[in-house]
PDB file of all heavy atoms in Angstrom:
ATOM      1  N   LEU A   1      20.706 -43.293  57.061  1.00  0.00           N
ATOM      2  CA  LEU A   1      19.743 -44.040  57.938  1.00  0.00           C
ATOM      3  C   LEU A   1      19.064 -42.946  58.917  1.00  0.00           C
ATOM      4  O   LEU A   1      17.853 -43.011  59.284  1.00  0.00           O
ATOM      5  CB  LEU A   1      20.341 -45.032  58.758  1.00  0.00           C
ATOM      6  CG  LEU A   1      20.635 -46.395  58.139  1.00  0.00           C
ATOM      7  CD1 LEU A   1      21.274 -47.423  59.070  1.00  0.00           C
ATOM      8  CD2 LEU A   1      19.353 -46.949  57.470  1.00  0.00           C
ATOM      9  N   SER A   2      19.890 -41.965  59.361  1.00  0.00           N
ATOM     10  CA  SER A   2      19.377 -40.959  60.265  1.00  0.00           C
ATOM     11  C   SER A   2      18.224 -40.135  59.660  1.00  0.00           C
ATOM     12  O   SER A   2      17.197 -39.839  60.212  1.00  0.00           O
ATOM     13  CB  SER A   2      20.417 -40.051  60.693  1.00  0.00           C
ATOM     14  OG  SER A   2      21.465 -40.843  61.442  1.00  0.00           O
ATOM     15  N   ILE A   3      18.434 -39.837  58.329  1.00  0.00           N
ATOM     16  CA  ILE A   3      17.481 -39.117  57.609  1.00  0.00           C
ATOM     17  C   ILE A   3      16.203 -39.722  57.510  1.00  0.00           C
ATOM     18  O   ILE A   3      15.117 -39.295  57.613  1.00  0.00           O
ATOM     19  CB  ILE A   3      18.031 -38.647  56.169  1.00  0.00           C
ATOM     20  CG1 ILE A   3      19.239 -37.642  56.360  1.00  0.00           C
ATOM     21  CG2 ILE A   3      16.943 -38.073  55.306  1.00  0.00           C
ATOM     22  CD1 ILE A   3      19.926 -37.382  55.063  1.00  0.00           C
ATOM     23  N   MET A   4      16.362 -41.173  57.087  1.00  0.00           N
ATOM     24  CA  MET A   4      15.198 -42.046  56.973  1.00  0.00           C
ATOM     25  C   MET A   4      14.312 -42.125  58.282  1.00  0.00           C
ATOM     26  O   MET A   4      13.151 -41.952  58.282  1.00  0.00           O
ATOM     27  CB  MET A   4      15.695 -43.451  56.529  1.00  0.00           C
ATOM     28  CG  MET A   4      16.201 -43.414  55.102  1.00  0.00           C
ATOM     29  SD  MET A   4      17.128 -44.936  54.802  1.00  0.00           S
ATOM     30  CE  MET A   4      15.733 -46.188  54.817  1.00  0.00           C
ATOM     31  N   ARG A   5      15.017 -42.363  59.385  1.00  0.00           N
ATOM     32  CA  ARG A   5      14.374 -42.357  60.671  1.00  0.00           C
ATOM     33  C   ARG A   5      13.795 -41.094  61.117  1.00  0.00           C
ATOM     34  O   ARG A   5      12.691 -41.024  61.552  1.00  0.00           O
ATOM     35  CB  ARG A   5      15.384 -42.805  61.758  1.00  0.00           C
ATOM     36  CG  ARG A   5      15.620 -44.310  61.896  1.00  0.00           C
ATOM     37  CD  ARG A   5      16.339 -44.680  63.118  1.00  0.00           C
ATOM     38  NE  ARG A   5      16.186 -46.049  63.405  1.00  0.00           N
ATOM     39  CZ  ARG A   5      17.225 -46.980  63.620  1.00  0.00           C
ATOM     40  NH1 ARG A   5      18.486 -46.506  63.421  1.00  0.00           N
ATOM     41  NH2 ARG A   5      16.977 -48.248  63.934  1.00  0.00           N
ATOM     42  N   TYR A   6      14.458 -39.963  60.840  1.00  0.00           N
ATOM     43  CA  TYR A   6      13.915 -38.590  61.147  1.00  0.00           C
ATOM     44  C   TYR A   6      12.734 -38.449  60.331  1.00  0.00           C
ATOM     45  O   TYR A   6      11.661 -37.871  60.746  1.00  0.00           O
ATOM     46  CB  TYR A   6      14.933 -37.561  60.957  1.00  0.00           C
ATOM     47  CG  TYR A   6      14.334 -36.170  61.047  1.00  0.00           C
ATOM     48  CD1 TYR A   6      14.254 -35.683  62.293  1.00  0.00           C
ATOM     49  CD2 TYR A   6      13.959 -35.443  59.975  1.00  0.00           C
ATOM     50  CE1 TYR A   6      13.677 -34.353  62.418  1.00  0.00           C
ATOM     51  CE2 TYR A   6      13.441 -34.177  60.076  1.00  0.00           C
ATOM     52  CZ  TYR A   6      13.188 -33.616  61.449  1.00  0.00           C
ATOM     53  OH  TYR A   6      12.706 -32.312  61.465  1.00  0.00           O
ATOM     54  N   ALA A   7      12.752 -38.743  59.014  1.00  0.00           N
ATOM     55  CA  ALA A   7      11.598 -38.525  58.120  1.00  0.00           C
ATOM     56  C   ALA A   7      10.419 -39.293  58.571  1.00  0.00           C
ATOM     57  O   ALA A   7       9.200 -38.722  58.624  1.00  0.00           O
ATOM     58  CB  ALA A   7      11.930 -38.988  56.686  1.00  0.00           C
ATOM     59  N   ALA A   8      10.547 -40.457  59.072  1.00  0.00           N
ATOM     60  CA  ALA A   8       9.471 -41.361  59.544  1.00  0.00           C
ATOM     61  C   ALA A   8       8.865 -40.714  60.816  1.00  0.00           C
ATOM     62  O   ALA A   8       7.655 -40.636  60.895  1.00  0.00           O
ATOM     63  CB  ALA A   8       9.929 -42.822  59.765  1.00  0.00           C
ATOM     64  N   ILE A   9       9.600 -40.387  61.766  1.00  0.00           N
ATOM     65  CA  ILE A   9       9.184 -39.836  62.981  1.00  0.00           C
ATOM     66  C   ILE A   9       8.519 -38.480  62.847  1.00  0.00           C
ATOM     67  O   ILE A   9       7.543 -38.215  63.315  1.00  0.00           O
ATOM     68  CB  ILE A   9      10.457 -39.616  64.053  1.00  0.00           C
ATOM     69  CG1 ILE A   9      11.043 -40.944  64.332  1.00  0.00           C
ATOM     70  CG2 ILE A   9      10.055 -38.871  65.220  1.00  0.00           C
ATOM     71  CD1 ILE A   9      12.283 -40.913  65.152  1.00  0.00           C
ATOM     72  N   HIS A  10       9.175 -37.641  61.931  1.00  0.00           N
ATOM     73  CA  HIS A  10       8.560 -36.332  61.673  1.00  0.00           C
ATOM     74  C   HIS A  10       7.199 -36.400  60.958  1.00  0.00           C
ATOM     75  O   HIS A  10       6.275 -35.764  61.239  1.00  0.00           O
ATOM     76  CB  HIS A  10       9.499 -35.534  60.737  1.00  0.00           C
ATOM     77  CG  HIS A  10       9.066 -34.119  60.432  1.00  0.00           C
ATOM     78  ND1 HIS A  10       9.018 -33.171  61.325  1.00  0.00           N
ATOM     79  CD2 HIS A  10       8.611 -33.570  59.270  1.00  0.00           C
ATOM     80  CE1 HIS A  10       8.613 -32.034  60.741  1.00  0.00           C
ATOM     81  NE2 HIS A  10       8.377 -32.345  59.463  1.00  0.00           N
ATOM     82  N   TRP A  11       7.058 -37.473  60.044  1.00  0.00           N
ATOM     83  CA  TRP A  11       5.780 -37.776  59.423  1.00  0.00           C
ATOM     84  C   TRP A  11       4.816 -38.109  60.374  1.00  0.00           C
ATOM     85  O   TRP A  11       3.670 -37.612  60.271  1.00  0.00           O
ATOM     86  CB  TRP A  11       6.054 -38.914  58.451  1.00  0.00           C
ATOM     87  CG  TRP A  11       4.955 -39.031  57.432  1.00  0.00           C
ATOM     88  CD1 TRP A  11       3.678 -39.531  57.549  1.00  0.00           C
ATOM     89  CD2 TRP A  11       5.043 -38.806  55.965  1.00  0.00           C
ATOM     90  NE1 TRP A  11       2.933 -39.585  56.450  1.00  0.00           N
ATOM     91  CE2 TRP A  11       3.691 -39.174  55.487  1.00  0.00           C
ATOM     92  CE3 TRP A  11       6.113 -38.398  55.175  1.00  0.00           C
ATOM     93  CZ2 TRP A  11       3.512 -38.945  54.064  1.00  0.00           C
ATOM     94  CZ3 TRP A  11       5.741 -38.203  53.724  1.00  0.00           C
ATOM     95  CH2 TRP A  11       4.562 -38.491  53.291  1.00  0.00           C
ATOM     96  N   GLU A  12       5.122 -38.937  61.430  1.00  0.00           N
ATOM     97  CA  GLU A  12       4.185 -39.254  62.423  1.00  0.00           C
ATOM     98  C   GLU A  12       3.741 -38.030  63.316  1.00  0.00           C
ATOM     99  O   GLU A  12       2.448 -37.968  63.593  1.00  0.00           O
ATOM    100  CB  GLU A  12       4.784 -40.357  63.297  1.00  0.00           C
ATOM    101  CG  GLU A  12       3.997 -40.656  64.547  1.00  0.00           C
ATOM    102  CD  GLU A  12       2.722 -41.469  64.369  1.00  0.00           C
ATOM    103  OE1 GLU A  12       2.552 -41.916  63.197  1.00  0.00           O
ATOM    104  OE2 GLU A  12       1.927 -41.614  65.216  1.00  0.00           O
ATOM    105  N   LYS A  13       4.620 -37.258  63.548  1.00  0.00           N
ATOM    106  CA  LYS A  13       4.304 -36.016  64.434  1.00  0.00           C
ATOM    107  C   LYS A  13       3.540 -35.024  63.610  1.00  0.00           C
ATOM    108  O   LYS A  13       2.603 -34.356  64.094  1.00  0.00           O
ATOM    109  CB  LYS A  13       5.596 -35.340  64.876  1.00  0.00           C
ATOM    110  CG  LYS A  13       6.456 -36.117  65.893  1.00  0.00           C
ATOM    111  CD  LYS A  13       7.660 -35.318  66.255  1.00  0.00           C
ATOM    112  CE  LYS A  13       7.367 -34.086  67.132  1.00  0.00           C
ATOM    113  NZ  LYS A  13       8.483 -33.498  67.589  1.00  0.00           N
ATOM    114  N   LYS A  14       3.628 -34.944  62.409  1.00  0.00           N
ATOM    115  CA  LYS A  14       2.899 -33.972  61.408  1.00  0.00           C
ATOM    116  C   LYS A  14       1.564 -34.642  61.125  1.00  0.00           C
ATOM    117  O   LYS A  14       0.655 -33.901  60.788  1.00  0.00           O
ATOM    118  CB  LYS A  14       3.566 -33.802  60.141  1.00  0.00           C
ATOM    119  CG  LYS A  14       4.921 -33.040  60.354  1.00  0.00           C
ATOM    120  CD  LYS A  14       4.889 -31.500  60.288  1.00  0.00           C
ATOM    121  CE  LYS A  14       4.418 -31.021  58.981  1.00  0.00           C
ATOM    122  NZ  LYS A  14       4.245 -29.548  58.948  1.00  0.00           N
ATOM    123  N   ASN A  15       1.394 -35.853  61.328  1.00  0.00           N
ATOM    124  CA  ASN A  15       0.246 -36.583  60.948  1.00  0.00           C
ATOM    125  C   ASN A  15      -0.346 -37.390  62.020  1.00  0.00           C
ATOM    126  O   ASN A  15       0.033 -38.680  62.019  1.00  0.00           O
ATOM    127  CB  ASN A  15       0.295 -37.378  59.646  1.00  0.00           C
ATOM    128  CG  ASN A  15       0.730 -36.418  58.417  1.00  0.00           C
ATOM    129  OD1 ASN A  15      -0.140 -35.982  57.711  1.00  0.00           O
ATOM    130  ND2 ASN A  15       2.075 -36.391  58.277  1.00  0.00           N
ATOM    131  N   ALA A  16      -1.015 -36.939  62.922  1.00  0.00           N
ATOM    132  CA  ALA A  16      -1.402 -37.755  64.082  1.00  0.00           C
ATOM    133  C   ALA A  16      -2.317 -39.018  63.714  1.00  0.00           C
ATOM    134  O   ALA A  16      -2.269 -39.951  64.201  1.00  0.00           O
ATOM    135  CB  ALA A  16      -2.310 -36.897  65.041  1.00  0.00           C
ATOM    136  N   VAL A  17      -3.139 -38.759  62.599  1.00  0.00           N
ATOM    137  CA  VAL A  17      -3.820 -39.875  62.013  1.00  0.00           C
ATOM    138  C   VAL A  17      -3.474 -39.967  60.624  1.00  0.00           C
ATOM    139  O   VAL A  17      -3.897 -39.191  59.831  1.00  0.00           O
ATOM    140  CB  VAL A  17      -5.374 -39.605  62.122  1.00  0.00           C
ATOM    141  CG1 VAL A  17      -6.173 -40.817  61.663  1.00  0.00           C
ATOM    142  CG2 VAL A  17      -5.761 -39.393  63.686  1.00  0.00           C
ATOM    143  N   LEU A  18      -2.649 -40.988  60.258  1.00  0.00           N
ATOM    144  CA  LEU A  18      -2.252 -41.192  58.901  1.00  0.00           C
ATOM    145  C   LEU A  18      -3.093 -42.165  58.105  1.00  0.00           C
ATOM    146  O   LEU A  18      -3.473 -43.244  58.813  1.00  0.00           O
ATOM    147  CB  LEU A  18      -0.812 -41.645  58.993  1.00  0.00           C
ATOM    148  CG  LEU A  18       0.261 -40.615  59.384  1.00  0.00           C
ATOM    149  CD1 LEU A  18       1.617 -41.392  59.440  1.00  0.00           C
ATOM    150  CD2 LEU A  18       0.312 -39.558  58.350  1.00  0.00           C
ATOM    151  N   GLY A  19      -3.267 -41.857  56.853  1.00  0.00           N
ATOM    152  CA  GLY A  19      -3.935 -42.920  56.038  1.00  0.00           C
ATOM    153  C   GLY A  19      -3.054 -43.907  55.651  1.00  0.00           C
ATOM    154  O   GLY A  19      -1.835 -43.718  55.690  1.00  0.00           O
ATOM    155  N   GLY A  20      -3.549 -45.116  55.292  1.00  0.00           N
ATOM    156  CA  GLY A  20      -2.731 -46.176  54.897  1.00  0.00           C
ATOM    157  C   GLY A  20      -1.700 -45.871  53.743  1.00  0.00           C
ATOM    158  O   GLY A  20      -0.546 -46.309  53.760  1.00  0.00           O
ATOM    159  N   MET A  21      -2.248 -45.203  52.751  1.00  0.00           N
ATOM    160  CA  MET A  21      -1.414 -44.858  51.638  1.00  0.00           C
ATOM    161  C   MET A  21      -0.272 -43.918  51.947  1.00  0.00           C
ATOM    162  O   MET A  21       0.862 -43.994  51.514  1.00  0.00           O
ATOM    163  CB  MET A  21      -2.228 -44.149  50.532  1.00  0.00           C
ATOM    164  CG  MET A  21      -1.660 -44.103  49.119  1.00  0.00           C
ATOM    165  SD  MET A  21      -1.259 -45.836  48.624  1.00  0.00           S
ATOM    166  CE  MET A  21      -0.034 -45.411  47.286  1.00  0.00           C
ATOM    167  N   SER A  22      -0.448 -43.041  52.843  1.00  0.00           N
ATOM    168  CA  SER A  22       0.596 -42.081  53.283  1.00  0.00           C
ATOM    169  C   SER A  22       1.714 -42.875  54.001  1.00  0.00           C
ATOM    170  O   SER A  22       2.909 -42.658  53.612  1.00  0.00           O
ATOM    171  CB  SER A  22       0.075 -41.026  54.268  1.00  0.00           C
ATOM    172  OG  SER A  22      -0.940 -40.202  53.657  1.00  0.00           O
ATOM    173  N   GLU A  23       1.344 -43.689  54.847  1.00  0.00           N
ATOM    174  CA  GLU A  23       2.430 -44.584  55.542  1.00  0.00           C
ATOM    175  C   GLU A  23       3.074 -45.461  54.452  1.00  0.00           C
ATOM    176  O   GLU A  23       4.281 -45.793  54.572  1.00  0.00           O
ATOM    177  CB  GLU A  23       1.711 -45.482  56.544  1.00  0.00           C
ATOM    178  CG  GLU A  23       1.275 -44.714  57.826  1.00  0.00           C
ATOM    179  CD  GLU A  23       0.902 -45.570  58.989  1.00  0.00           C
ATOM    180  OE1 GLU A  23       1.117 -46.774  58.800  1.00  0.00           O
ATOM    181  OE2 GLU A  23       0.599 -44.983  59.975  1.00  0.00           O
ATOM    182  N   LEU A  24       2.364 -45.949  53.499  1.00  0.00           N
ATOM    183  CA  LEU A  24       2.831 -46.858  52.379  1.00  0.00           C
ATOM    184  C   LEU A  24       3.869 -46.122  51.646  1.00  0.00           C
ATOM    185  O   LEU A  24       4.929 -46.705  51.274  1.00  0.00           O
ATOM    186  CB  LEU A  24       1.718 -47.348  51.642  1.00  0.00           C
ATOM    187  CG  LEU A  24       2.062 -48.346  50.505  1.00  0.00           C
ATOM    188  CD1 LEU A  24       2.808 -49.618  51.069  1.00  0.00           C
ATOM    189  CD2 LEU A  24       0.912 -48.772  49.722  1.00  0.00           C
ATOM    190  N   SER A  25       3.685 -44.860  51.376  1.00  0.00           N
ATOM    191  CA  SER A  25       4.659 -44.089  50.671  1.00  0.00           C
ATOM    192  C   SER A  25       5.964 -43.870  51.378  1.00  0.00           C
ATOM    193  O   SER A  25       7.003 -44.025  50.782  1.00  0.00           O
ATOM    194  CB  SER A  25       3.977 -42.582  50.375  1.00  0.00           C
ATOM    195  OG  SER A  25       2.865 -42.655  49.654  1.00  0.00           O
ATOM    196  N   VAL A  26       5.888 -43.679  52.669  1.00  0.00           N
ATOM    197  CA  VAL A  26       7.133 -43.648  53.617  1.00  0.00           C
ATOM    198  C   VAL A  26       7.793 -45.029  53.465  1.00  0.00           C
ATOM    199  O   VAL A  26       9.068 -45.014  53.280  1.00  0.00           O
ATOM    200  CB  VAL A  26       6.688 -43.373  55.095  1.00  0.00           C
ATOM    201  CG1 VAL A  26       7.877 -43.426  55.837  1.00  0.00           C
ATOM    202  CG2 VAL A  26       6.102 -41.999  55.099  1.00  0.00           C
ATOM    203  N   MET A  27       7.149 -46.158  53.514  1.00  0.00           N
ATOM    204  CA  MET A  27       7.662 -47.402  53.383  1.00  0.00           C
ATOM    205  C   MET A  27       8.472 -47.586  52.129  1.00  0.00           C
ATOM    206  O   MET A  27       9.583 -48.086  52.086  1.00  0.00           O
ATOM    207  CB  MET A  27       6.682 -48.544  53.697  1.00  0.00           C
ATOM    208  CG  MET A  27       7.230 -49.940  53.531  1.00  0.00           C
ATOM    209  SD  MET A  27       5.981 -51.202  53.514  1.00  0.00           S
ATOM    210  CE  MET A  27       6.109 -51.457  55.352  1.00  0.00           C
ATOM    211  N   ARG A  28       7.701 -47.310  50.988  1.00  0.00           N
ATOM    212  CA  ARG A  28       8.279 -47.520  49.739  1.00  0.00           C
ATOM    213  C   ARG A  28       9.634 -46.608  49.446  1.00  0.00           C
ATOM    214  O   ARG A  28      10.595 -47.083  48.921  1.00  0.00           O
ATOM    215  CB  ARG A  28       7.242 -47.196  48.659  1.00  0.00           C
ATOM    216  CG  ARG A  28       6.111 -48.259  48.550  1.00  0.00           C
ATOM    217  CD  ARG A  28       5.067 -47.974  47.646  1.00  0.00           C
ATOM    218  NE  ARG A  28       4.084 -48.978  47.337  1.00  0.00           N
ATOM    219  CZ  ARG A  28       2.988 -48.802  46.770  1.00  0.00           C
ATOM    220  NH1 ARG A  28       2.647 -47.676  46.261  1.00  0.00           N
ATOM    221  NH2 ARG A  28       2.175 -49.899  46.641  1.00  0.00           N
ATOM    222  N   LEU A  29       9.566 -45.430  49.951  1.00  0.00           N
ATOM    223  CA  LEU A  29      10.737 -44.541  49.772  1.00  0.00           C
ATOM    224  C   LEU A  29      11.765 -45.095  50.566  1.00  0.00           C
ATOM    225  O   LEU A  29      12.977 -45.149  50.149  1.00  0.00           O
ATOM    226  CB  LEU A  29      10.286 -43.107  50.211  1.00  0.00           C
ATOM    227  CG  LEU A  29      11.446 -42.128  50.222  1.00  0.00           C
ATOM    228  CD1 LEU A  29      12.061 -41.914  48.814  1.00  0.00           C
ATOM    229  CD2 LEU A  29      10.986 -40.734  50.796  1.00  0.00           C
ATOM    230  N   SER A  30      11.591 -45.574  51.802  1.00  0.00           N
ATOM    231  CA  SER A  30      12.601 -46.126  52.656  1.00  0.00           C
ATOM    232  C   SER A  30      13.199 -47.310  52.018  1.00  0.00           C
ATOM    233  O   SER A  30      14.495 -47.658  52.001  1.00  0.00           O
ATOM    234  CB  SER A  30      12.080 -46.428  54.067  1.00  0.00           C
ATOM    235  OG  SER A  30      11.627 -45.249  54.693  1.00  0.00           O
ATOM    236  N   GLY A  31      12.339 -48.237  51.444  1.00  0.00           N
ATOM    237  CA  GLY A  31      12.798 -49.418  50.775  1.00  0.00           C
ATOM    238  C   GLY A  31      13.722 -49.085  49.614  1.00  0.00           C
ATOM    239  O   GLY A  31      14.740 -49.783  49.493  1.00  0.00           O
ATOM    240  N   ALA A  32      13.373 -48.032  48.814  1.00  0.00           N
ATOM    241  CA  ALA A  32      14.267 -47.742  47.687  1.00  0.00           C
ATOM    242  C   ALA A  32      15.599 -47.214  48.115  1.00  0.00           C
ATOM    243  O   ALA A  32      16.629 -47.650  47.462  1.00  0.00           O
ATOM    244  CB  ALA A  32      13.468 -46.654  46.914  1.00  0.00           C
ATOM    245  N   MET A  33      15.612 -46.571  49.298  1.00  0.00           N
ATOM    246  CA  MET A  33      16.942 -46.021  49.780  1.00  0.00           C
ATOM    247  C   MET A  33      17.762 -47.146  50.246  1.00  0.00           C
ATOM    248  O   MET A  33      19.054 -47.226  50.034  1.00  0.00           O
ATOM    249  CB  MET A  33      16.625 -44.962  50.729  1.00  0.00           C
ATOM    250  CG  MET A  33      16.014 -43.768  50.319  1.00  0.00           C
ATOM    251  SD  MET A  33      15.723 -42.486  51.561  1.00  0.00           S
ATOM    252  CE  MET A  33      17.277 -41.903  51.948  1.00  0.00           C
ATOM    253  N   LEU A  34      17.138 -48.174  50.870  1.00  0.00           N
ATOM    254  CA  LEU A  34      17.838 -49.350  51.454  1.00  0.00           C
ATOM    255  C   LEU A  34      18.394 -50.199  50.193  1.00  0.00           C
ATOM    256  O   LEU A  34      19.614 -50.683  50.373  1.00  0.00           O
ATOM    257  CB  LEU A  34      16.920 -50.255  52.153  1.00  0.00           C
ATOM    258  CG  LEU A  34      16.540 -49.751  53.681  1.00  0.00           C
ATOM    259  CD1 LEU A  34      15.630 -50.759  54.312  1.00  0.00           C
ATOM    260  CD2 LEU A  34      17.803 -49.523  54.480  1.00  0.00           C
ATOM    261  N   ILE A  35      17.701 -50.196  49.174  1.00  0.00           N
ATOM    262  CA  ILE A  35      18.222 -50.970  47.970  1.00  0.00           C
ATOM    263  C   ILE A  35      19.543 -50.272  47.441  1.00  0.00           C
ATOM    264  O   ILE A  35      20.500 -51.017  47.275  1.00  0.00           O
ATOM    265  CB  ILE A  35      17.142 -51.059  46.825  1.00  0.00           C
ATOM    266  CG1 ILE A  35      15.954 -51.872  47.222  1.00  0.00           C
ATOM    267  CG2 ILE A  35      17.763 -51.475  45.518  1.00  0.00           C
ATOM    268  CD1 ILE A  35      14.878 -51.957  46.185  1.00  0.00           C
ATOM    269  N   VAL A  36      19.466 -48.929  47.331  1.00  0.00           N
ATOM    270  CA  VAL A  36      20.642 -48.204  46.885  1.00  0.00           C
ATOM    271  C   VAL A  36      21.841 -48.331  47.921  1.00  0.00           C
ATOM    272  O   VAL A  36      22.929 -48.581  47.478  1.00  0.00           O
ATOM    273  CB  VAL A  36      20.274 -46.694  46.740  1.00  0.00           C
ATOM    274  CG1 VAL A  36      21.540 -45.927  46.404  1.00  0.00           C
ATOM    275  CG2 VAL A  36      19.215 -46.540  45.538  1.00  0.00           C
ATOM    276  N   LEU A  37      21.480 -48.296  49.138  1.00  0.00           N
ATOM    277  CA  LEU A  37      22.497 -48.415  50.153  1.00  0.00           C
ATOM    278  C   LEU A  37      23.193 -49.807  50.220  1.00  0.00           C
ATOM    279  O   LEU A  37      24.411 -49.925  50.426  1.00  0.00           O
ATOM    280  CB  LEU A  37      21.891 -48.160  51.514  1.00  0.00           C
ATOM    281  CG  LEU A  37      21.615 -46.729  51.959  1.00  0.00           C
ATOM    282  CD1 LEU A  37      20.990 -46.563  53.258  1.00  0.00           C
ATOM    283  CD2 LEU A  37      22.950 -45.761  51.884  1.00  0.00           C
ATOM    284  N   SER A  38      22.422 -50.807  49.975  1.00  0.00           N
ATOM    285  CA  SER A  38      22.975 -52.164  49.972  1.00  0.00           C
ATOM    286  C   SER A  38      23.912 -52.332  48.858  1.00  0.00           C
ATOM    287  O   SER A  38      25.047 -52.917  49.061  1.00  0.00           O
ATOM    288  CB  SER A  38      21.789 -53.251  49.786  1.00  0.00           C
ATOM    289  OG  SER A  38      21.240 -53.184  48.462  1.00  0.00           O
ATOM    290  N   VAL A  39      23.711 -51.715  47.683  1.00  0.00           N
ATOM    291  CA  VAL A  39      24.643 -51.931  46.537  1.00  0.00           C
ATOM    292  C   VAL A  39      25.924 -51.085  46.832  1.00  0.00           C
ATOM    293  O   VAL A  39      27.023 -51.679  46.667  1.00  0.00           O
ATOM    294  CB  VAL A  39      23.916 -51.262  45.247  1.00  0.00           C
ATOM    295  CG1 VAL A  39      24.938 -51.406  44.113  1.00  0.00           C
ATOM    296  CG2 VAL A  39      22.780 -52.261  44.867  1.00  0.00           C
ATOM    297  N   VAL A  40      25.780 -49.882  47.327  1.00  0.00           N
ATOM    298  CA  VAL A  40      26.854 -49.048  47.665  1.00  0.00           C
ATOM    299  C   VAL A  40      27.774 -49.735  48.742  1.00  0.00           C
ATOM    300  O   VAL A  40      29.001 -49.763  48.553  1.00  0.00           O
ATOM    301  CB  VAL A  40      26.420 -47.616  48.172  1.00  0.00           C
ATOM    302  CG1 VAL A  40      27.604 -46.783  48.654  1.00  0.00           C
ATOM    303  CG2 VAL A  40      25.719 -46.867  47.095  1.00  0.00           C
ATOM    304  N   LEU A  41      27.212 -50.267  49.676  1.00  0.00           N
ATOM    305  CA  LEU A  41      27.915 -51.006  50.801  1.00  0.00           C
ATOM    306  C   LEU A  41      28.760 -52.246  50.285  1.00  0.00           C
ATOM    307  O   LEU A  41      29.802 -52.436  50.648  1.00  0.00           O
ATOM    308  CB  LEU A  41      27.039 -51.364  51.924  1.00  0.00           C
ATOM    309  CG  LEU A  41      26.799 -50.229  52.913  1.00  0.00           C
ATOM    310  CD1 LEU A  41      25.797 -50.627  53.920  1.00  0.00           C
ATOM    311  CD2 LEU A  41      28.075 -49.727  53.641  1.00  0.00           C
ATOM    312  N   ALA A  42      28.001 -53.025  49.320  1.00  0.00           N
ATOM    313  CA  ALA A  42      28.627 -54.150  48.877  1.00  0.00           C
ATOM    314  C   ALA A  42      29.853 -53.783  48.001  1.00  0.00           C
ATOM    315  O   ALA A  42      30.915 -54.394  48.196  1.00  0.00           O
ATOM    316  CB  ALA A  42      27.628 -54.879  47.973  1.00  0.00           C
ATOM    317  N   ILE A  43      29.737 -52.842  47.265  1.00  0.00           N
ATOM    318  CA  ILE A  43      30.908 -52.228  46.398  1.00  0.00           C
ATOM    319  C   ILE A  43      32.069 -51.689  47.319  1.00  0.00           C
ATOM    320  O   ILE A  43      33.194 -52.012  47.031  1.00  0.00           O
ATOM    321  CB  ILE A  43      30.449 -51.171  45.371  1.00  0.00           C
ATOM    322  CG1 ILE A  43      29.489 -51.744  44.304  1.00  0.00           C
ATOM    323  CG2 ILE A  43      31.722 -50.553  44.719  1.00  0.00           C
ATOM    324  CD1 ILE A  43      28.822 -50.716  43.497  1.00  0.00           C
ATOM    325  N   THR A  44      31.670 -50.957  48.313  1.00  0.00           N
ATOM    326  CA  THR A  44      32.640 -50.402  49.201  1.00  0.00           C
ATOM    327  C   THR A  44      33.342 -51.496  50.014  1.00  0.00           C
ATOM    328  O   THR A  44      34.596 -51.433  50.281  1.00  0.00           O
ATOM    329  CB  THR A  44      32.010 -49.467  50.256  1.00  0.00           C
ATOM    330  OG1 THR A  44      31.220 -48.423  49.518  1.00  0.00           O
ATOM    331  CG2 THR A  44      32.981 -48.788  51.129  1.00  0.00           C
ATOM    332  N   ASN A  45      32.567 -52.493  50.417  1.00  0.00           N
ATOM    333  CA  ASN A  45      33.176 -53.662  51.204  1.00  0.00           C
ATOM    334  C   ASN A  45      34.329 -54.327  50.321  1.00  0.00           C
ATOM    335  O   ASN A  45      35.361 -54.588  50.778  1.00  0.00           O
ATOM    336  CB  ASN A  45      32.182 -54.678  51.528  1.00  0.00           C
ATOM    337  CG  ASN A  45      32.613 -55.717  52.434  1.00  0.00           C
ATOM    338  OD1 ASN A  45      33.382 -55.506  53.345  1.00  0.00           O
ATOM    339  ND2 ASN A  45      32.226 -56.891  52.197  1.00  0.00           N
TER     340      ASN A  45
END
C-alpha cells in the first residue's frame, strides 16, 4: 500500500498536468494490486 501511495504521489509531482489516460493507468495498476492483495489476505486470514 505504501508503494501504491508513493507511486501515485510521485506521479502527480512528476506530471503537474496529467492527461486522463495517464491517471487512468495509475488507477488500473492500483486496482490490479488490490485484487491480488485481497486474495492473499483472505488466504492468510
